[in-house]
C-alpha atoms as a PDB file:
ATOM      1  CA  MET A   1     131.627 247.919  -4.984  1.00  0.00           C
ATOM      2  CA  LYS A   2     127.979 248.058  -6.277  1.00  0.00           C
ATOM      3  CA  THR A   3     125.660 250.962  -5.644  1.00  0.00           C
ATOM      4  CA  GLU A   4     122.839 248.722  -4.753  1.00  0.00           C
ATOM      5  CA  TYR A   5     122.308 245.140  -3.557  1.00  0.00           C
ATOM      6  CA  ASP A   6     119.633 242.839  -3.932  1.00  0.00           C
ATOM      7  CA  PHE A   7     118.582 241.270  -0.644  1.00  0.00           C
ATOM      8  CA  SER A   8     115.177 239.970  -1.755  1.00  0.00           C
ATOM      9  CA  LYS A   9     116.391 236.165  -1.720  1.00  0.00           C
ATOM     10  CA  ALA A  10     118.343 236.712   1.522  1.00  0.00           C
ATOM     11  CA  LYS A  11     118.000 234.110   4.207  1.00  0.00           C
ATOM     12  CA  LYS A  12     117.800 234.862   8.044  1.00  0.00           C
ATOM     13  CA  ASN A  13     120.934 233.694   9.998  1.00  0.00           C
ATOM     14  CA  PRO A  14     119.709 230.354  11.621  1.00  0.00           C
ATOM     15  CA  TYR A  15     122.127 230.954  14.531  1.00  0.00           C
ATOM     16  CA  ALA A  16     121.019 234.435  15.592  1.00  0.00           C
ATOM     17  CA  LYS A  17     118.976 233.241  18.423  1.00  0.00           C
ATOM     18  CA  ARG A  18     122.186 231.421  19.722  1.00  0.00           C
ATOM     19  CA  LEU A  19     124.200 234.593  19.510  1.00  0.00           C
ATOM     20  CA  LYS A  20     125.488 235.921  22.998  1.00  0.00           C
ATOM     21  CA  LYS A  21     123.872 239.032  24.147  1.00  0.00           C
ATOM     22  CA  ALA A  22     125.898 241.864  25.834  1.00  0.00           C
ATOM     23  CA  VAL A  23     124.645 242.803  29.438  1.00  0.00           C
ATOM     24  CA  THR A  24     126.097 245.047  32.255  1.00  0.00           C
ATOM     25  CA  ILE A  25     126.657 243.135  35.429  1.00  0.00           C
ATOM     26  CA  ARG A  26     128.089 244.538  38.668  1.00  0.00           C
ATOM     27  CA  LEU A  27     130.706 242.000  40.169  1.00  0.00           C
ATOM     28  CA  GLU A  28     133.005 242.283  43.213  1.00  0.00           C
ATOM     29  CA  PRO A  29     136.686 243.020  42.479  1.00  0.00           C
ATOM     30  CA  ASP A  30     137.373 239.451  44.220  1.00  0.00           C
ATOM     31  CA  ILE A  31     135.252 237.809  41.797  1.00  0.00           C
ATOM     32  CA  ILE A  32     136.834 239.358  38.671  1.00  0.00           C
ATOM     33  CA  ASN A  33     140.303 238.767  40.037  1.00  0.00           C
ATOM     34  CA  TYR A  34     139.409 235.144  40.670  1.00  0.00           C
ATOM     35  CA  PHE A  35     138.329 234.519  37.044  1.00  0.00           C
ATOM     36  CA  LYS A  36     141.139 236.697  35.644  1.00  0.00           C
ATOM     37  CA  THR A  37     143.673 234.290  37.587  1.00  0.00           C
ATOM     38  CA  MET A  38     141.957 231.241  36.183  1.00  0.00           C
ATOM     39  CA  SER A  39     141.973 232.865  32.753  1.00  0.00           C
ATOM     40  CA  GLY A  40     145.835 233.294  32.962  1.00  0.00           C
ATOM     41  CA  GLU A  41     146.224 229.485  33.918  1.00  0.00           C
ATOM     42  CA  ASN A  42     143.786 228.275  31.177  1.00  0.00           C
ATOM     43  CA  GLY A  43     144.298 230.675  28.406  1.00  0.00           C
ATOM     44  CA  ILE A  44     140.612 231.414  28.167  1.00  0.00           C
ATOM     45  CA  PRO A  45     139.176 234.906  28.373  1.00  0.00           C
ATOM     46  CA  TYR A  46     137.680 235.586  31.899  1.00  0.00           C
ATOM     47  CA  GLN A  47     134.499 236.825  30.377  1.00  0.00           C
ATOM     48  CA  ASN A  48     134.175 233.262  28.657  1.00  0.00           C
ATOM     49  CA  LEU A  49     135.052 231.532  31.948  1.00  0.00           C
ATOM     50  CA  ILE A  50     132.181 233.481  33.665  1.00  0.00           C
ATOM     51  CA  ASN A  51     129.855 232.652  30.804  1.00  0.00           C
ATOM     52  CA  LEU A  52     130.814 228.970  31.083  1.00  0.00           C
ATOM     53  CA  TYR A  53     130.362 228.749  34.727  1.00  0.00           C
ATOM     54  CA  LEU A  54     127.104 230.272  34.690  1.00  0.00           C
ATOM     55  CA  LEU A  55     126.080 228.202  31.772  1.00  0.00           C
ATOM     56  CA  ASP A  56     127.093 225.011  33.903  1.00  0.00           C
ATOM     57  CA  CYS A  57     124.757 226.055  36.870  1.00  0.00           C
ATOM     58  CA  ALA A  58     121.854 226.798  34.626  1.00  0.00           C
ATOM     59  CA  LYS A  59     122.196 223.369  32.813  1.00  0.00           C
ATOM     60  CA  ALA A  60     122.667 221.493  36.108  1.00  0.00           C
ATOM     61  CA  GLY A  61     119.641 223.662  37.437  1.00  0.00           C
ATOM     62  CA  ARG A  62     121.571 224.653  40.724  1.00  0.00           C
ATOM     63  CA  LYS A  63     119.835 226.868  43.093  1.00  0.00           C
ATOM     64  CA  LEU A  64     121.197 229.477  45.496  1.00  0.00           C
ATOM     65  CA  SER A  65     120.771 228.940  49.066  1.00  0.00           C
ATOM     66  CA  LEU A  66     120.380 231.997  51.032  1.00  0.00           C
ATOM     67  CA  ALA A  67     119.885 232.215  54.779  1.00  0.00           C
ATOM     68  CA  TRP A  68     119.640 235.758  56.207  1.00  0.00           C
ATOM     69  CA  LYS A  69     121.210 236.537  59.454  1.00  0.00           C
ATOM     70  CA  LYS A  70     119.253 238.642  62.107  1.00  0.00           C
END
């Protein structure tokens, strides 16, 4: 290994903006169990399934419809 490296000609990662970002989110146990069950059926990690579901919602422009009960 070198004691020093020259990074003067280094290029920025063109995919850096597309990297996933770690976040903390609180989900109900039933939601997690649902995606974990789907994960076992499909062989895809449950975090990836949640990400794919949310991505699909975002691309389709789905809006949440809420009606508060009195």
